[in-house]
Amino acid sequence: ATLAANFPSRVLGTVTLSSHPGLRSPFERQQRASGDLLLAAKLAALKTPQELRSFLERWYSAPLWARLSERRPEAYGRMLSKRLQTSPQHAIHALLGMSLARQPDLWPKAGSSAGGAPA
């Protein structure tokens, strides 16, 4: 989406799934960054595999995941097993490195012929 927004003459169109055009204000970015730092601190405090499992089970019980463990228990089990192999330190680096707080605001370019409308 960023490439299409910055170079609309070079991109005929895009399909963006599970994306966000960015936060609109510095305040929103600061709020998101603060929340991400709190989450990173929780991850850093995990010392045992059981603590990581408990963290992940709470994480995946959020409304975003819409009862995945009930609807698709086999898929949930595979996903949880894979996530349990991730070290909390790697998760922290991914969280902070790919935070929405770091993403540029693409709203002004959203809806352009190449950028498409945010869904």
PDB file of N, CA and C in Angstrom:
ATOM      1  N   ALA A   1       0.822  -1.190   0.000  1.00  0.00           N
ATOM      2  CA  ALA A   1       0.000   0.000   0.000  1.00  0.00           C
ATOM      3  C   ALA A   1       0.870   1.258   0.000  1.00  0.00           C
ATOM      4  N   THR A   2       1.985   1.222   0.729  1.00  0.00           N
ATOM      5  CA  THR A   2       2.863   2.390   0.773  1.00  0.00           C
ATOM      6  C   THR A   2       3.454   2.667  -0.600  1.00  0.00           C
ATOM      7  N   LEU A   3       3.895   1.633  -1.285  1.00  0.00           N
ATOM      8  CA  LEU A   3       4.447   1.788  -2.627  1.00  0.00           C
ATOM      9  C   LEU A   3       3.401   2.394  -3.558  1.00  0.00           C
ATOM     10  N   ALA A   4       2.189   1.868  -3.519  1.00  0.00           N
ATOM     11  CA  ALA A   4       1.117   2.376  -4.377  1.00  0.00           C
ATOM     12  C   ALA A   4       0.776   3.819  -4.044  1.00  0.00           C
ATOM     13  N   ALA A   5       0.768   4.161  -2.766  1.00  0.00           N
ATOM     14  CA  ALA A   5       0.442   5.525  -2.365  1.00  0.00           C
ATOM     15  C   ALA A   5       1.524   6.508  -2.783  1.00  0.00           C
ATOM     16  N   ASN A   6       2.779   6.093  -2.734  1.00  0.00           N
ATOM     17  CA  ASN A   6       3.886   6.985  -3.072  1.00  0.00           C
ATOM     18  C   ASN A   6       4.197   7.043  -4.559  1.00  0.00           C
ATOM     19  N   PHE A   7       3.838   5.995  -5.299  1.00  0.00           N
ATOM     20  CA  PHE A   7       4.121   5.942  -6.731  1.00  0.00           C
ATOM     21  C   PHE A   7       2.884   5.492  -7.504  1.00  0.00           C
ATOM     22  N   PRO A   8       1.803   6.269  -7.450  1.00  0.00           N
ATOM     23  CA  PRO A   8       0.551   5.828  -8.075  1.00  0.00           C
ATOM     24  C   PRO A   8       0.654   5.605  -9.579  1.00  0.00           C
ATOM     25  N   SER A   9       1.568   6.286 -10.249  1.00  0.00           N
ATOM     26  CA  SER A   9       1.685   6.098 -11.697  1.00  0.00           C
ATOM     27  C   SER A   9       2.327   4.752 -12.049  1.00  0.00           C
ATOM     28  N   ARG A  10       2.967   4.118 -11.096  1.00  0.00           N
ATOM     29  CA  ARG A  10       3.641   2.847 -11.355  1.00  0.00           C
ATOM     30  C   ARG A  10       2.828   1.623 -10.923  1.00  0.00           C
ATOM     31  N   VAL A  11       1.721   1.859 -10.251  1.00  0.00           N
ATOM     32  CA  VAL A  11       0.909   0.759  -9.731  1.00  0.00           C
ATOM     33  C   VAL A  11      -0.507   0.911 -10.268  1.00  0.00           C
ATOM     34  N   LEU A  12      -0.977  -0.111 -10.963  1.00  0.00           N
ATOM     35  CA  LEU A  12      -2.325  -0.060 -11.531  1.00  0.00           C
ATOM     36  C   LEU A  12      -3.402  -0.222 -10.471  1.00  0.00           C
ATOM     37  N   GLY A  13      -3.130  -0.979  -9.447  1.00  0.00           N
ATOM     38  CA  GLY A  13      -4.110  -1.199  -8.390  1.00  0.00           C
ATOM     39  C   GLY A  13      -3.531  -2.086  -7.313  1.00  0.00           C
ATOM     40  N   THR A  14      -4.214  -2.147  -6.216  1.00  0.00           N
ATOM     41  CA  THR A  14      -3.769  -2.989  -5.108  1.00  0.00           C
ATOM     42  C   THR A  14      -4.967  -3.682  -4.471  1.00  0.00           C
ATOM     43  N   VAL A  15      -4.668  -4.752  -3.817  1.00  0.00           N
ATOM     44  CA  VAL A  15      -5.625  -5.405  -2.932  1.00  0.00           C
ATOM     45  C   VAL A  15      -4.922  -5.476  -1.583  1.00  0.00           C
ATOM     46  N   THR A  16      -5.462  -4.797  -0.606  1.00  0.00           N
ATOM     47  CA  THR A  16      -4.846  -4.817   0.715  1.00  0.00           C
ATOM     48  C   THR A  16      -5.777  -5.532   1.684  1.00  0.00           C
ATOM     49  N   LEU A  17      -5.217  -6.483   2.377  1.00  0.00           N
ATOM     50  CA  LEU A  17      -5.968  -7.259   3.352  1.00  0.00           C
ATOM     51  C   LEU A  17      -5.324  -7.096   4.715  1.00  0.00           C
ATOM     52  N   SER A  18      -6.143  -7.006   5.717  1.00  0.00           N
ATOM     53  CA  SER A  18      -5.653  -6.923   7.086  1.00  0.00           C
ATOM     54  C   SER A  18      -4.596  -5.824   7.210  1.00  0.00           C
ATOM     55  N   SER A  19      -4.959  -4.642   6.769  1.00  0.00           N
ATOM     56  CA  SER A  19      -4.016  -3.528   6.796  1.00  0.00           C
ATOM     57  C   SER A  19      -4.681  -2.313   7.427  1.00  0.00           C
ATOM     58  N   HIS A  20      -3.889  -1.316   7.680  1.00  0.00           N
ATOM     59  CA  HIS A  20      -4.375  -0.077   8.283  1.00  0.00           C
ATOM     60  C   HIS A  20      -3.648   1.078   7.607  1.00  0.00           C
ATOM     61  N   PRO A  21      -4.365   2.143   7.236  1.00  0.00           N
ATOM     62  CA  PRO A  21      -3.713   3.271   6.567  1.00  0.00           C
ATOM     63  C   PRO A  21      -2.929   4.185   7.505  1.00  0.00           C
ATOM     64  N   GLY A  22      -2.796   3.816   8.749  1.00  0.00           N
ATOM     65  CA  GLY A  22      -1.986   4.604   9.666  1.00  0.00           C
ATOM     66  C   GLY A  22      -2.819   5.429  10.626  1.00  0.00           C
ATOM     67  N   LEU A  23      -2.155   5.906  11.651  1.00  0.00           N
ATOM     68  CA  LEU A  23      -2.800   6.762  12.640  1.00  0.00           C
ATOM     69  C   LEU A  23      -2.700   8.198  12.161  1.00  0.00           C
ATOM     70  N   ARG A  24      -3.745   8.962  12.405  1.00  0.00           N
ATOM     71  CA  ARG A  24      -3.841  10.294  11.810  1.00  0.00           C
ATOM     72  C   ARG A  24      -3.085  11.389  12.551  1.00  0.00           C
ATOM     73  N   SER A  25      -2.878  11.248  13.821  1.00  0.00           N
ATOM     74  CA  SER A  25      -2.279  12.360  14.569  1.00  0.00           C
ATOM     75  C   SER A  25      -1.092  11.889  15.404  1.00  0.00           C
ATOM     76  N   PRO A  26      -0.220  12.833  15.747  1.00  0.00           N
ATOM     77  CA  PRO A  26       0.892  12.490  16.643  1.00  0.00           C
ATOM     78  C   PRO A  26       0.383  11.955  17.987  1.00  0.00           C
ATOM     79  N   PHE A  27      -0.741  12.482  18.473  1.00  0.00           N
ATOM     80  CA  PHE A  27      -1.307  11.999  19.729  1.00  0.00           C
ATOM     81  C   PHE A  27      -1.689  10.528  19.622  1.00  0.00           C
ATOM     82  N   GLU A  28      -2.355  10.142  18.525  1.00  0.00           N
ATOM     83  CA  GLU A  28      -2.731   8.740  18.328  1.00  0.00           C
ATOM     84  C   GLU A  28      -1.493   7.848  18.246  1.00  0.00           C
ATOM     85  N   ARG A  29      -0.461   8.336  17.549  1.00  0.00           N
ATOM     86  CA  ARG A  29       0.772   7.554  17.445  1.00  0.00           C
ATOM     87  C   ARG A  29       1.434   7.390  18.816  1.00  0.00           C
ATOM     88  N   GLN A  30       1.423   8.462  19.616  1.00  0.00           N
ATOM     89  CA  GLN A  30       2.012   8.388  20.955  1.00  0.00           C
ATOM     90  C   GLN A  30       1.226   7.426  21.839  1.00  0.00           C
ATOM     91  N   GLN A  31      -0.093   7.472  21.758  1.00  0.00           N
ATOM     92  CA  GLN A  31      -0.926   6.557  22.538  1.00  0.00           C
ATOM     93  C   GLN A  31      -0.626   5.108  22.156  1.00  0.00           C
ATOM     94  N   ARG A  32      -0.531   4.847  20.862  1.00  0.00           N
ATOM     95  CA  ARG A  32      -0.250   3.487  20.391  1.00  0.00           C
ATOM     96  C   ARG A  32       1.139   3.050  20.842  1.00  0.00           C
ATOM     97  N   ALA A  33       2.120   3.945  20.711  1.00  0.00           N
ATOM     98  CA  ALA A  33       3.484   3.612  21.131  1.00  0.00           C
ATOM     99  C   ALA A  33       3.523   3.298  22.626  1.00  0.00           C
ATOM    100  N   SER A  34       2.802   4.057  23.430  1.00  0.00           N
ATOM    101  CA  SER A  34       2.757   3.802  24.876  1.00  0.00           C
ATOM    102  C   SER A  34       2.146   2.439  25.170  1.00  0.00           C
ATOM    103  N   GLY A  35       1.053   2.121  24.489  1.00  0.00           N
ATOM    104  CA  GLY A  35       0.423   0.816  24.667  1.00  0.00           C
ATOM    105  C   GLY A  35       1.335  -0.317  24.246  1.00  0.00           C
ATOM    106  N   ASP A  36       2.045  -0.112  23.146  1.00  0.00           N
ATOM    107  CA  ASP A  36       2.973  -1.140  22.672  1.00  0.00           C
ATOM    108  C   ASP A  36       4.126  -1.339  23.656  1.00  0.00           C
ATOM    109  N   LEU A  37       4.598  -0.256  24.267  1.00  0.00           N
ATOM    110  CA  LEU A  37       5.667  -0.379  25.268  1.00  0.00           C
ATOM    111  C   LEU A  37       5.183  -1.141  26.500  1.00  0.00           C
ATOM    112  N   LEU A  38       3.940  -0.901  26.906  1.00  0.00           N
ATOM    113  CA  LEU A  38       3.381  -1.649  28.038  1.00  0.00           C
ATOM    114  C   LEU A  38       3.282  -3.137  27.712  1.00  0.00           C
ATOM    115  N   LEU A  39       2.835  -3.435  26.507  1.00  0.00           N
ATOM    116  CA  LEU A  39       2.738  -4.828  26.080  1.00  0.00           C
ATOM    117  C   LEU A  39       4.132  -5.463  26.003  1.00  0.00           C
ATOM    118  N   ALA A  40       5.106  -4.708  25.515  1.00  0.00           N
ATOM    119  CA  ALA A  40       6.483  -5.211  25.448  1.00  0.00           C
ATOM    120  C   ALA A  40       7.012  -5.507  26.850  1.00  0.00           C
ATOM    121  N   ALA A  41       6.673  -4.668  27.815  1.00  0.00           N
ATOM    122  CA  ALA A  41       7.108  -4.908  29.197  1.00  0.00           C
ATOM    123  C   ALA A  41       6.485  -6.188  29.745  1.00  0.00           C
ATOM    124  N   LYS A  42       5.226  -6.442  29.411  1.00  0.00           N
ATOM    125  CA  LYS A  42       4.583  -7.690  29.844  1.00  0.00           C
ATOM    126  C   LYS A  42       5.290  -8.892  29.226  1.00  0.00           C
ATOM    127  N   LEU A  43       5.635  -8.780  27.957  1.00  0.00           N
ATOM    128  CA  LEU A  43       6.360  -9.874  27.299  1.00  0.00           C
ATOM    129  C   LEU A  43       7.735 -10.082  27.938  1.00  0.00           C
ATOM    130  N   ALA A  44       8.415  -8.990  28.254  1.00  0.00           N
ATOM    131  CA  ALA A  44       9.755  -9.082  28.844  1.00  0.00           C
ATOM    132  C   ALA A  44       9.720  -9.741  30.223  1.00  0.00           C
ATOM    133  N   ALA A  45       8.598  -9.626  30.909  1.00  0.00           N
ATOM    134  CA  ALA A  45       8.480 -10.193  32.255  1.00  0.00           C
ATOM    135  C   ALA A  45       8.225 -11.699  32.246  1.00  0.00           C
ATOM    136  N   LEU A  46       7.931 -12.263  31.089  1.00  0.00           N
ATOM    137  CA  LEU A  46       7.644 -13.697  31.008  1.00  0.00           C
ATOM    138  C   LEU A  46       8.935 -14.488  31.200  1.00  0.00           C
ATOM    139  N   LYS A  47       8.922 -15.408  32.153  1.00  0.00           N
ATOM    140  CA  LYS A  47      10.141 -16.162  32.468  1.00  0.00           C
ATOM    141  C   LYS A  47      10.031 -17.653  32.186  1.00  0.00           C
ATOM    142  N   THR A  48       8.830 -18.169  32.099  1.00  0.00           N
ATOM    143  CA  THR A  48       8.674 -19.614  31.916  1.00  0.00           C
ATOM    144  C   THR A  48       7.777 -19.901  30.716  1.00  0.00           C
ATOM    145  N   PRO A  49       7.873 -21.091  30.155  1.00  0.00           N
ATOM    146  CA  PRO A  49       6.970 -21.464  29.058  1.00  0.00           C
ATOM    147  C   PRO A  49       5.494 -21.379  29.463  1.00  0.00           C
ATOM    148  N   GLN A  50       5.185 -21.710  30.727  1.00  0.00           N
ATOM    149  CA  GLN A  50       3.786 -21.630  31.171  1.00  0.00           C
ATOM    150  C   GLN A  50       3.308 -20.178  31.209  1.00  0.00           C
ATOM    151  N   GLU A  51       4.182 -19.257  31.611  1.00  0.00           N
ATOM    152  CA  GLU A  51       3.806 -17.838  31.598  1.00  0.00           C
ATOM    153  C   GLU A  51       3.539 -17.375  30.172  1.00  0.00           C
ATOM    154  N   LEU A  52       4.361 -17.819  29.223  1.00  0.00           N
ATOM    155  CA  LEU A  52       4.140 -17.471  27.822  1.00  0.00           C
ATOM    156  C   LEU A  52       2.819 -18.058  27.342  1.00  0.00           C
ATOM    157  N   ARG A  53       2.552 -19.303  27.688  1.00  0.00           N
ATOM    158  CA  ARG A  53       1.285 -19.936  27.294  1.00  0.00           C
ATOM    159  C   ARG A  53       0.092 -19.147  27.853  1.00  0.00           C
ATOM    160  N   SER A  54       0.157 -18.767  29.116  1.00  0.00           N
ATOM    161  CA  SER A  54      -0.935 -17.999  29.729  1.00  0.00           C
ATOM    162  C   SER A  54      -1.121 -16.659  29.026  1.00  0.00           C
ATOM    163  N   PHE A  55      -0.005 -15.998  28.724  1.00  0.00           N
ATOM    164  CA  PHE A  55      -0.073 -14.723  28.007  1.00  0.00           C
ATOM    165  C   PHE A  55      -0.763 -14.911  26.658  1.00  0.00           C
ATOM    166  N   LEU A  56      -0.330 -15.918  25.906  1.00  0.00           N
ATOM    167  CA  LEU A  56      -0.901 -16.151  24.575  1.00  0.00           C
ATOM    168  C   LEU A  56      -2.375 -16.535  24.652  1.00  0.00           C
ATOM    169  N   GLU A  57      -2.745 -17.327  25.634  1.00  0.00           N
ATOM    170  CA  GLU A  57      -4.150 -17.701  25.772  1.00  0.00           C
ATOM    171  C   GLU A  57      -5.013 -16.480  26.076  1.00  0.00           C
ATOM    172  N   ARG A  58      -4.510 -15.568  26.914  1.00  0.00           N
ATOM    173  CA  ARG A  58      -5.252 -14.313  27.173  1.00  0.00           C
ATOM    174  C   ARG A  58      -5.316 -13.474  25.899  1.00  0.00           C
ATOM    175  N   TRP A  59      -4.191 -13.389  25.183  1.00  0.00           N
ATOM    176  CA  TRP A  59      -4.124 -12.595  23.954  1.00  0.00           C
ATOM    177  C   TRP A  59      -5.155 -13.082  22.933  1.00  0.00           C
ATOM    178  N   TYR A  60      -5.188 -14.377  22.735  1.00  0.00           N
ATOM    179  CA  TYR A  60      -6.076 -14.947  21.722  1.00  0.00           C
ATOM    180  C   TYR A  60      -7.518 -15.101  22.198  1.00  0.00           C
ATOM    181  N   SER A  61      -7.806 -14.702  23.425  1.00  0.00           N
ATOM    182  CA  SER A  61      -9.194 -14.680  23.878  1.00  0.00           C
ATOM    183  C   SER A  61      -9.846 -13.326  23.592  1.00  0.00           C
ATOM    184  N   ALA A  62      -9.082 -12.387  23.045  1.00  0.00           N
ATOM    185  CA  ALA A  62      -9.608 -11.055  22.722  1.00  0.00           C
ATOM    186  C   ALA A  62     -10.662 -11.148  21.612  1.00  0.00           C
ATOM    187  N   PRO A  63     -11.582 -10.188  21.565  1.00  0.00           N
ATOM    188  CA  PRO A  63     -12.635 -10.206  20.542  1.00  0.00           C
ATOM    189  C   PRO A  63     -12.114 -10.296  19.108  1.00  0.00           C
ATOM    190  N   LEU A  64     -10.950  -9.753  18.850  1.00  0.00           N
ATOM    191  CA  LEU A  64     -10.383  -9.804  17.501  1.00  0.00           C
ATOM    192  C   LEU A  64     -10.321 -11.228  16.966  1.00  0.00           C
ATOM    193  N   TRP A  65     -10.036 -12.167  17.834  1.00  0.00           N
ATOM    194  CA  TRP A  65      -9.866 -13.553  17.398  1.00  0.00           C
ATOM    195  C   TRP A  65     -11.180 -14.328  17.402  1.00  0.00           C
ATOM    196  N   ALA A  66     -12.257 -13.684  17.865  1.00  0.00           N
ATOM    197  CA  ALA A  66     -13.627 -14.200  17.757  1.00  0.00           C
ATOM    198  C   ALA A  66     -13.761 -15.695  18.049  1.00  0.00           C
ATOM    199  N   ARG A  67     -13.307 -16.087  19.206  1.00  0.00           N
ATOM    200  CA  ARG A  67     -13.476 -17.476  19.658  1.00  0.00           C
ATOM    201  C   ARG A  67     -12.867 -18.504  18.703  1.00  0.00           C
ATOM    202  N   LEU A  68     -11.733 -18.184  18.139  1.00  0.00           N
ATOM    203  CA  LEU A  68     -11.055 -19.106  17.224  1.00  0.00           C
ATOM    204  C   LEU A  68     -10.852 -20.479  17.864  1.00  0.00           C
ATOM    205  N   SER A  69     -10.530 -20.499  19.145  1.00  0.00           N
ATOM    206  CA  SER A  69     -10.280 -21.784  19.813  1.00  0.00           C
ATOM    207  C   SER A  69     -11.529 -22.658  19.841  1.00  0.00           C
ATOM    208  N   GLU A  70     -12.706 -22.043  19.831  1.00  0.00           N
ATOM    209  CA  GLU A  70     -13.959 -22.809  19.821  1.00  0.00           C
ATOM    210  C   GLU A  70     -14.368 -23.196  18.400  1.00  0.00           C
ATOM    211  N   ARG A  71     -14.223 -22.265  17.482  1.00  0.00           N
ATOM    212  CA  ARG A  71     -14.674 -22.512  16.107  1.00  0.00           C
ATOM    213  C   ARG A  71     -13.739 -23.427  15.329  1.00  0.00           C
ATOM    214  N   ARG A  72     -12.440 -23.248  15.521  1.00  0.00           N
ATOM    215  CA  ARG A  72     -11.446 -24.037  14.778  1.00  0.00           C
ATOM    216  C   ARG A  72     -10.369 -24.515  15.747  1.00  0.00           C
ATOM    217  N   PRO A  73     -10.711 -25.439  16.628  1.00  0.00           N
ATOM    218  CA  PRO A  73      -9.744 -25.851  17.659  1.00  0.00           C
ATOM    219  C   PRO A  73      -8.438 -26.401  17.092  1.00  0.00           C
ATOM    220  N   GLU A  74      -8.499 -27.097  15.954  1.00  0.00           N
ATOM    221  CA  GLU A  74      -7.264 -27.648  15.380  1.00  0.00           C
ATOM    222  C   GLU A  74      -6.364 -26.525  14.865  1.00  0.00           C
ATOM    223  N   ALA A  75      -6.937 -25.523  14.229  1.00  0.00           N
ATOM    224  CA  ALA A  75      -6.152 -24.384  13.739  1.00  0.00           C
ATOM    225  C   ALA A  75      -5.594 -23.581  14.916  1.00  0.00           C
ATOM    226  N   TYR A  76      -6.417 -23.394  15.936  1.00  0.00           N
ATOM    227  CA  TYR A  76      -5.965 -22.679  17.127  1.00  0.00           C
ATOM    228  C   TYR A  76      -4.793 -23.422  17.778  1.00  0.00           C
ATOM    229  N   GLY A  77      -4.908 -24.730  17.892  1.00  0.00           N
ATOM    230  CA  GLY A  77      -3.837 -25.530  18.494  1.00  0.00           C
ATOM    231  C   GLY A  77      -2.533 -25.412  17.729  1.00  0.00           C
ATOM    232  N   ARG A  78      -2.612 -25.459  16.394  1.00  0.00           N
ATOM    233  CA  ARG A  78      -1.392 -25.315  15.571  1.00  0.00           C
ATOM    234  C   ARG A  78      -0.788 -23.922  15.742  1.00  0.00           C
ATOM    235  N   MET A  79      -1.654 -22.902  15.728  1.00  0.00           N
ATOM    236  CA  MET A  79      -1.173 -21.531  15.870  1.00  0.00           C
ATOM    237  C   MET A  79      -0.517 -21.338  17.236  1.00  0.00           C
ATOM    238  N   LEU A  80      -1.171 -21.819  18.285  1.00  0.00           N
ATOM    239  CA  LEU A  80      -0.620 -21.666  19.627  1.00  0.00           C
ATOM    240  C   LEU A  80       0.721 -22.397  19.755  1.00  0.00           C
ATOM    241  N   SER A  81       0.809 -23.594  19.207  1.00  0.00           N
ATOM    242  CA  SER A  81       2.077 -24.341  19.248  1.00  0.00           C
ATOM    243  C   SER A  81       3.194 -23.571  18.557  1.00  0.00           C
ATOM    244  N   LYS A  82       2.870 -22.974  17.424  1.00  0.00           N
ATOM    245  CA  LYS A  82       3.873 -22.191  16.692  1.00  0.00           C
ATOM    246  C   LYS A  82       4.294 -20.962  17.498  1.00  0.00           C
ATOM    247  N   ARG A  83       3.326 -20.262  18.081  1.00  0.00           N
ATOM    248  CA  ARG A  83       3.642 -19.064  18.862  1.00  0.00           C
ATOM    249  C   ARG A  83       4.462 -19.399  20.108  1.00  0.00           C
ATOM    250  N   LEU A  84       4.235 -20.571  20.672  1.00  0.00           N
ATOM    251  CA  LEU A  84       4.986 -20.974  21.865  1.00  0.00           C
ATOM    252  C   LEU A  84       6.461 -21.210  21.561  1.00  0.00           C
ATOM    253  N   GLN A  85       6.810 -21.356  20.298  1.00  0.00           N
ATOM    254  CA  GLN A  85       8.206 -21.534  19.905  1.00  0.00           C
ATOM    255  C   GLN A  85       8.931 -20.197  19.754  1.00  0.00           C
ATOM    256  N   THR A  86       8.184 -19.109  19.771  1.00  0.00           N
ATOM    257  CA  THR A  86       8.758 -17.774  19.629  1.00  0.00           C
ATOM    258  C   THR A  86       9.262 -17.291  20.982  1.00  0.00           C
ATOM    259  N   SER A  87      10.444 -16.737  21.003  1.00  0.00           N
ATOM    260  CA  SER A  87      10.936 -16.190  22.266  1.00  0.00           C
ATOM    261  C   SER A  87      10.253 -14.849  22.521  1.00  0.00           C
ATOM    262  N   PRO A  88       9.977 -14.533  23.781  1.00  0.00           N
ATOM    263  CA  PRO A  88       9.396 -13.227  24.086  1.00  0.00           C
ATOM    264  C   PRO A  88      10.246 -12.072  23.546  1.00  0.00           C
ATOM    265  N   GLN A  89      11.577 -12.229  23.549  1.00  0.00           N
ATOM    266  CA  GLN A  89      12.436 -11.154  23.034  1.00  0.00           C
ATOM    267  C   GLN A  89      12.208 -10.923  21.544  1.00  0.00           C
ATOM    268  N   HIS A  90      12.044 -11.986  20.779  1.00  0.00           N
ATOM    269  CA  HIS A  90      11.755 -11.817  19.352  1.00  0.00           C
ATOM    270  C   HIS A  90      10.384 -11.181  19.152  1.00  0.00           C
ATOM    271  N   ALA A  91       9.425 -11.561  19.976  1.00  0.00           N
ATOM    272  CA  ALA A  91       8.091 -10.960  19.887  1.00  0.00           C
ATOM    273  C   ALA A  91       8.149  -9.464  20.197  1.00  0.00           C
ATOM    274  N   ILE A  92       8.957  -9.091  21.167  1.00  0.00           N
ATOM    275  CA  ILE A  92       9.114  -7.672  21.513  1.00  0.00           C
ATOM    276  C   ILE A  92       9.697  -6.902  20.332  1.00  0.00           C
ATOM    277  N   HIS A  93      10.725  -7.444  19.709  1.00  0.00           N
ATOM    278  CA  HIS A  93      11.335  -6.767  18.555  1.00  0.00           C
ATOM    279  C   HIS A  93      10.330  -6.616  17.418  1.00  0.00           C
ATOM    280  N   ALA A  94       9.543  -7.646  17.164  1.00  0.00           N
ATOM    281  CA  ALA A  94       8.530  -7.568  16.108  1.00  0.00           C
ATOM    282  C   ALA A  94       7.465  -6.537  16.466  1.00  0.00           C
ATOM    283  N   LEU A  95       6.990  -6.579  17.697  1.00  0.00           N
ATOM    284  CA  LEU A  95       5.954  -5.646  18.150  1.00  0.00           C
ATOM    285  C   LEU A  95       6.403  -4.195  17.994  1.00  0.00           C
ATOM    286  N   LEU A  96       7.578  -3.896  18.496  1.00  0.00           N
ATOM    287  CA  LEU A  96       8.049  -2.508  18.458  1.00  0.00           C
ATOM    288  C   LEU A  96       8.526  -2.104  17.066  1.00  0.00           C
ATOM    289  N   GLY A  97       9.090  -3.032  16.329  1.00  0.00           N
ATOM    290  CA  GLY A  97       9.584  -2.712  14.990  1.00  0.00           C
ATOM    291  C   GLY A  97       8.491  -2.507  13.963  1.00  0.00           C
ATOM    292  N   MET A  98       7.371  -3.217  14.137  1.00  0.00           N
ATOM    293  CA  MET A  98       6.279  -3.115  13.163  1.00  0.00           C
ATOM    294  C   MET A  98       5.057  -2.415  13.737  1.00  0.00           C
ATOM    295  N   SER A  99       5.248  -1.674  14.790  1.00  0.00           N
ATOM    296  CA  SER A  99       4.135  -1.000  15.453  1.00  0.00           C
ATOM    297  C   SER A  99       3.422  -0.032  14.513  1.00  0.00           C
ATOM    298  N   LEU A 100       2.117   0.026  14.644  1.00  0.00           N
ATOM    299  CA  LEU A 100       1.330   1.003  13.890  1.00  0.00           C
ATOM    300  C   LEU A 100       1.781   2.425  14.230  1.00  0.00           C
ATOM    301  N   ALA A 101       2.350   2.612  15.408  1.00  0.00           N
ATOM    302  CA  ALA A 101       2.852   3.930  15.803  1.00  0.00           C
ATOM    303  C   ALA A 101       3.998   4.392  14.912  1.00  0.00           C
ATOM    304  N   ARG A 102       4.699   3.467  14.284  1.00  0.00           N
ATOM    305  CA  ARG A 102       5.836   3.801  13.420  1.00  0.00           C
ATOM    306  C   ARG A 102       5.440   3.994  11.962  1.00  0.00           C
ATOM    307  N   GLN A 103       4.249   3.565  11.620  1.00  0.00           N
ATOM    308  CA  GLN A 103       3.797   3.623  10.226  1.00  0.00           C
ATOM    309  C   GLN A 103       3.414   5.058   9.854  1.00  0.00           C
ATOM    310  N   PRO A 104       3.752   5.497   8.658  1.00  0.00           N
ATOM    311  CA  PRO A 104       3.331   6.834   8.238  1.00  0.00           C
ATOM    312  C   PRO A 104       1.814   6.893   8.049  1.00  0.00           C
ATOM    313  N   ASP A 105       1.283   8.091   8.135  1.00  0.00           N
ATOM    314  CA  ASP A 105      -0.143   8.318   7.908  1.00  0.00           C
ATOM    315  C   ASP A 105      -0.413   8.280   6.407  1.00  0.00           C
ATOM    316  N   LEU A 106      -1.079   7.228   5.957  1.00  0.00           N
ATOM    317  CA  LEU A 106      -1.414   7.092   4.538  1.00  0.00           C
ATOM    318  C   LEU A 106      -2.857   7.495   4.243  1.00  0.00           C
ATOM    319  N   TRP A 107      -3.574   7.997   5.245  1.00  0.00           N
ATOM    320  CA  TRP A 107      -4.961   8.403   5.019  1.00  0.00           C
ATOM    321  C   TRP A 107      -5.095   9.430   3.901  1.00  0.00           C
ATOM    322  N   PRO A 108      -4.224  10.440   3.829  1.00  0.00           N
ATOM    323  CA  PRO A 108      -4.386  11.419   2.746  1.00  0.00           C
ATOM    324  C   PRO A 108      -4.282  10.788   1.356  1.00  0.00           C
ATOM    325  N   LYS A 109      -3.564   9.684   1.262  1.00  0.00           N
ATOM    326  CA  LYS A 109      -3.394   9.028  -0.033  1.00  0.00           C
ATOM    327  C   LYS A 109      -4.383   7.885  -0.227  1.00  0.00           C
ATOM    328  N   ALA A 110      -5.053   7.471   0.826  1.00  0.00           N
ATOM    329  CA  ALA A 110      -6.029   6.382   0.722  1.00  0.00           C
ATOM    330  C   ALA A 110      -7.190   6.847  -0.146  1.00  0.00           C
ATOM    331  N   GLY A 111      -7.649   5.958  -0.994  1.00  0.00           N
ATOM    332  CA  GLY A 111      -8.744   6.313  -1.882  1.00  0.00           C
ATOM    333  C   GLY A 111      -8.280   6.816  -3.226  1.00  0.00           C
ATOM    334  N   SER A 112      -6.955   7.062  -3.364  1.00  0.00           N
ATOM    335  CA  SER A 112      -6.445   7.436  -4.678  1.00  0.00           C
ATOM    336  C   SER A 112      -6.567   6.228  -5.586  1.00  0.00           C
ATOM    337  N   SER A 113      -6.414   6.417  -6.867  1.00  0.00           N
ATOM    338  CA  SER A 113      -6.619   5.310  -7.804  1.00  0.00           C
ATOM    339  C   SER A 113      -5.699   4.137  -7.515  1.00  0.00           C
ATOM    340  N   ALA A 114      -4.472   4.399  -7.081  1.00  0.00           N
ATOM    341  CA  ALA A 114      -3.560   3.295  -6.799  1.00  0.00           C
ATOM    342  C   ALA A 114      -3.648   2.859  -5.345  1.00  0.00           C
ATOM    343  N   GLY A 115      -3.862   3.811  -4.451  1.00  0.00           N
ATOM    344  CA  GLY A 115      -3.872   3.485  -3.032  1.00  0.00           C
ATOM    345  C   GLY A 115      -5.112   2.749  -2.596  1.00  0.00           C
ATOM    346  N   GLY A 116      -6.199   2.956  -3.271  1.00  0.00           N
ATOM    347  CA  GLY A 116      -7.436   2.279  -2.914  1.00  0.00           C
ATOM    348  C   GLY A 116      -8.050   2.848  -1.660  1.00  0.00           C
ATOM    349  N   ALA A 117      -9.233   2.463  -1.403  1.00  0.00           N
ATOM    350  CA  ALA A 117      -9.932   2.919  -0.208  1.00  0.00           C
ATOM    351  C   ALA A 117      -9.672   1.948   0.924  1.00  0.00           C
ATOM    352  N   PRO A 118      -9.440   2.476   2.115  1.00  0.00           N
ATOM    353  CA  PRO A 118      -9.220   1.567   3.237  1.00  0.00           C
ATOM    354  C   PRO A 118     -10.484   0.795   3.544  1.00  0.00           C
ATOM    355  N   ALA A 119     -10.296  -0.470   3.908  1.00  0.00           N
ATOM    356  CA  ALA A 119     -11.457  -1.304   4.248  1.00  0.00           C
ATOM    357  C   ALA A 119     -11.501  -1.548   5.726  1.00  0.00           C
TER     358      ALA A 119
END
